[in-house]
Protein backbone atom coordinates (compact mmCIF):
# COMPACT_ATOMS: atom_id res chain seq x y z
CA MET A 1 -28.39 66.53 -90.43
CA SER A 2 -25.69 63.90 -90.92
CA ALA A 3 -22.03 64.52 -91.74
CA ALA A 4 -22.70 63.46 -95.33
CA ASP A 5 -25.29 66.23 -95.64
CA VAL A 6 -22.83 69.02 -94.75
CA PRO A 7 -22.21 71.12 -97.87
CA GLY A 8 -18.72 70.66 -99.30
CA ARG A 9 -17.83 67.78 -96.95
CA ALA A 10 -17.57 65.22 -99.74
CA ASP A 11 -15.33 67.57 -101.74
CA ALA A 12 -13.11 68.13 -98.68
CA GLU A 13 -12.81 64.39 -98.03
CA ALA A 14 -11.93 63.80 -101.69
CA ASP A 15 -9.27 66.51 -101.48
CA VAL A 16 -7.78 64.92 -98.34
CA ALA A 17 -7.73 61.47 -99.99
CA ALA A 18 -6.08 62.90 -103.11
CA GLY A 19 -3.52 64.73 -100.96
CA GLU A 20 -2.70 61.53 -99.07
CA ALA A 21 -2.20 59.66 -102.36
CA VAL A 22 0.14 62.40 -103.59
CA ASP A 23 2.05 62.31 -100.27
CA ALA A 24 2.41 58.53 -100.52
CA GLU A 25 3.77 58.82 -104.06
CA VAL A 26 6.22 61.56 -103.01
CA ARG A 27 7.43 59.41 -100.08
CA ARG A 28 7.85 56.40 -102.38
CA ARG A 29 9.93 58.40 -104.88
CA LEU A 30 12.01 59.91 -102.06
CA ALA A 31 12.70 56.43 -100.65
CA GLN A 32 13.82 55.21 -104.08
CA ALA A 33 16.15 58.20 -104.48
CA GLN A 34 17.60 57.59 -101.02
CA GLU A 35 18.24 53.93 -101.90
CA ARG A 36 20.12 55.05 -105.03
CA VAL A 37 22.22 57.50 -103.00
CA VAL A 38 23.13 54.78 -100.47
CA ALA A 39 23.95 52.35 -103.29
CA ALA A 40 26.20 54.97 -104.89
CA LEU A 41 27.99 55.66 -101.60
CA VAL A 42 28.31 52.08 -100.39
CA MET A 43 28.44 49.87 -103.47
CA GLY A 44 29.82 52.19 -106.13
CA ALA A 45 26.59 52.27 -108.13
CA GLU A 46 25.76 55.14 -110.48
CA PRO A 47 24.66 58.24 -108.56
CA PRO A 48 21.04 59.32 -108.99
CA GLU A 49 20.12 62.03 -111.44
CA GLY A 50 20.94 65.49 -110.15
CA PHE A 51 24.01 64.45 -108.14
CA ASP A 52 27.56 65.37 -109.12
CA PRO A 53 29.29 62.03 -109.88
CA GLU A 54 32.73 63.30 -108.82
CA ARG A 55 31.46 64.55 -105.46
CA MET A 56 29.63 61.27 -104.88
CA ARG A 57 32.83 59.36 -105.69
CA VAL A 58 34.84 61.46 -103.23
CA GLN A 59 32.23 60.96 -100.53
CA ALA A 60 32.14 57.21 -101.18
CA VAL A 61 35.95 56.97 -100.89
CA SER A 62 35.88 58.99 -97.68
CA LEU A 63 33.10 56.87 -96.18
CA LEU A 64 34.93 53.68 -97.10
CA ALA A 65 38.17 54.93 -95.50
CA LYS A 66 36.30 55.88 -92.33
CA ARG A 67 34.64 52.47 -92.08
CA ARG A 68 37.93 50.70 -92.81
CA GLY A 69 39.74 52.66 -90.09
CA ILE A 70 37.11 51.91 -87.48
CA VAL A 71 37.02 48.24 -88.46
CA ALA A 72 40.83 48.07 -88.16
CA ARG A 73 40.62 49.55 -84.65
CA LEU A 74 37.82 47.22 -83.57
CA ARG A 75 39.30 44.07 -85.15
CA PRO A 76 43.09 44.43 -85.33
CA ASP A 77 43.27 40.68 -86.02
CA ALA A 78 41.29 41.19 -89.24
CA ALA A 79 43.48 44.14 -90.23
CA ALA A 80 46.59 42.05 -89.58
CA ALA A 81 45.16 39.15 -91.58
CA ALA A 82 44.51 41.45 -94.55
CA GLY A 83 47.99 42.93 -94.14
CA PRO A 84 49.13 45.44 -96.76
CA ASP A 85 46.05 44.56 -98.84
CA LEU A 86 43.68 45.92 -96.19
CA ALA A 87 42.42 48.79 -98.37
CA SER A 88 41.71 46.63 -101.41
CA GLU A 89 40.32 43.74 -99.32
CA TYR A 90 37.98 46.03 -97.42
CA ALA A 91 36.87 47.74 -100.63
CA ALA A 92 36.06 44.34 -102.18
CA TYR A 93 34.18 43.32 -99.02
CA ALA A 94 32.18 46.58 -98.99
CA ARG A 95 31.25 46.25 -102.69
CA SER A 96 29.96 42.74 -102.03
CA ARG A 97 27.34 44.02 -99.54
CA ALA A 98 24.10 45.71 -100.60
CA THR A 99 24.04 47.66 -97.35
CA PRO A 100 26.53 47.90 -94.50
CA PRO A 101 25.80 45.86 -91.38
CA PRO A 102 24.02 47.77 -88.60
CA GLY A 103 26.87 49.22 -86.57
CA TYR A 104 30.65 49.27 -86.64
CA ARG A 105 31.09 46.17 -84.46
CA ALA A 106 28.85 44.16 -86.78
CA ASP A 107 30.75 45.55 -89.78
CA ALA A 108 34.09 44.55 -88.22
CA ASP A 109 32.88 41.05 -87.37
CA ASP A 110 31.35 40.65 -90.83
CA PHE A 111 34.62 41.70 -92.46
CA ALA A 112 36.53 39.18 -90.32
CA GLY A 113 34.05 36.49 -91.38
CA TRP A 114 34.49 37.51 -95.02
CA LEU A 115 38.27 37.20 -94.68
CA ARG A 116 37.86 33.84 -92.94
CA ALA A 117 35.59 32.58 -95.73
CA GLY A 118 38.25 33.62 -98.26
CA GLY A 119 40.95 31.72 -96.38
CA ARG A 120 42.76 34.92 -95.36
CA MET A 121 42.09 34.58 -91.63
CA PRO A 122 42.29 31.54 -89.35
CA ASP A 123 39.32 30.32 -87.37
CA PRO A 124 39.07 31.92 -83.94
CA PRO A 125 40.49 29.89 -81.06
CA GLY A 126 38.12 28.22 -78.67
CA LYS A 127 36.83 30.39 -75.87
CA VAL A 128 39.06 30.28 -72.78
CA ARG A 129 37.29 30.77 -69.47
CA TRP A 130 38.86 33.12 -66.94
CA TRP A 131 39.17 30.40 -64.32
CA SER A 132 41.15 28.14 -66.64
CA ARG A 133 43.71 30.92 -67.07
CA LEU A 134 43.82 31.34 -63.30
CA LEU A 135 44.19 27.61 -62.70
CA SER A 136 47.00 27.36 -65.24
CA ARG A 137 48.89 30.04 -63.32
CA LEU A 138 48.32 28.32 -60.00
CA ARG A 139 49.52 24.91 -61.19
CA GLY A 140 52.86 24.03 -59.75
CA ARG A 141 52.55 26.43 -56.83
CA SER A 142 52.29 25.10 -53.32
CA ARG A 143 48.98 25.57 -51.61
CA PRO A 144 48.74 27.94 -48.67
CA ASP A 145 48.73 26.38 -45.20
CA GLY A 146 45.37 25.00 -44.20
CA TRP A 147 44.16 24.25 -47.76
CA PRO A 148 43.08 20.67 -48.38
CA GLU A 149 45.13 18.64 -50.83
């Protein structure tokens, strides 16, 4: 007797396949709802059906303030470049992104780049190697005895 000959096996396999199709559809709809929630929190989009718009707005403002504070701590140069307009500049930057960069450091660097592209922040200085700083301190000092000239 083969597996196909077992009574009810075909019905059970059809039920499993139908259940997997339903699960896939449920996962797809859940993913779409999650995307709408993230868009509402990050970009100011309309909240999905079933969510209180005022609570979503409060959460979005809170999340934006948290991100802005961390970015200001990680990149004080960017915060200084934005000056008193930091809140409005960061809000405009955040609205211009579909999703936040992966991690606070990336978010801070991306914000600095956004300010730079808008002419609000100068280009970073060239990288200075540690030995060049050391050599600049040693210039003008006499060499210890026994050192070649």
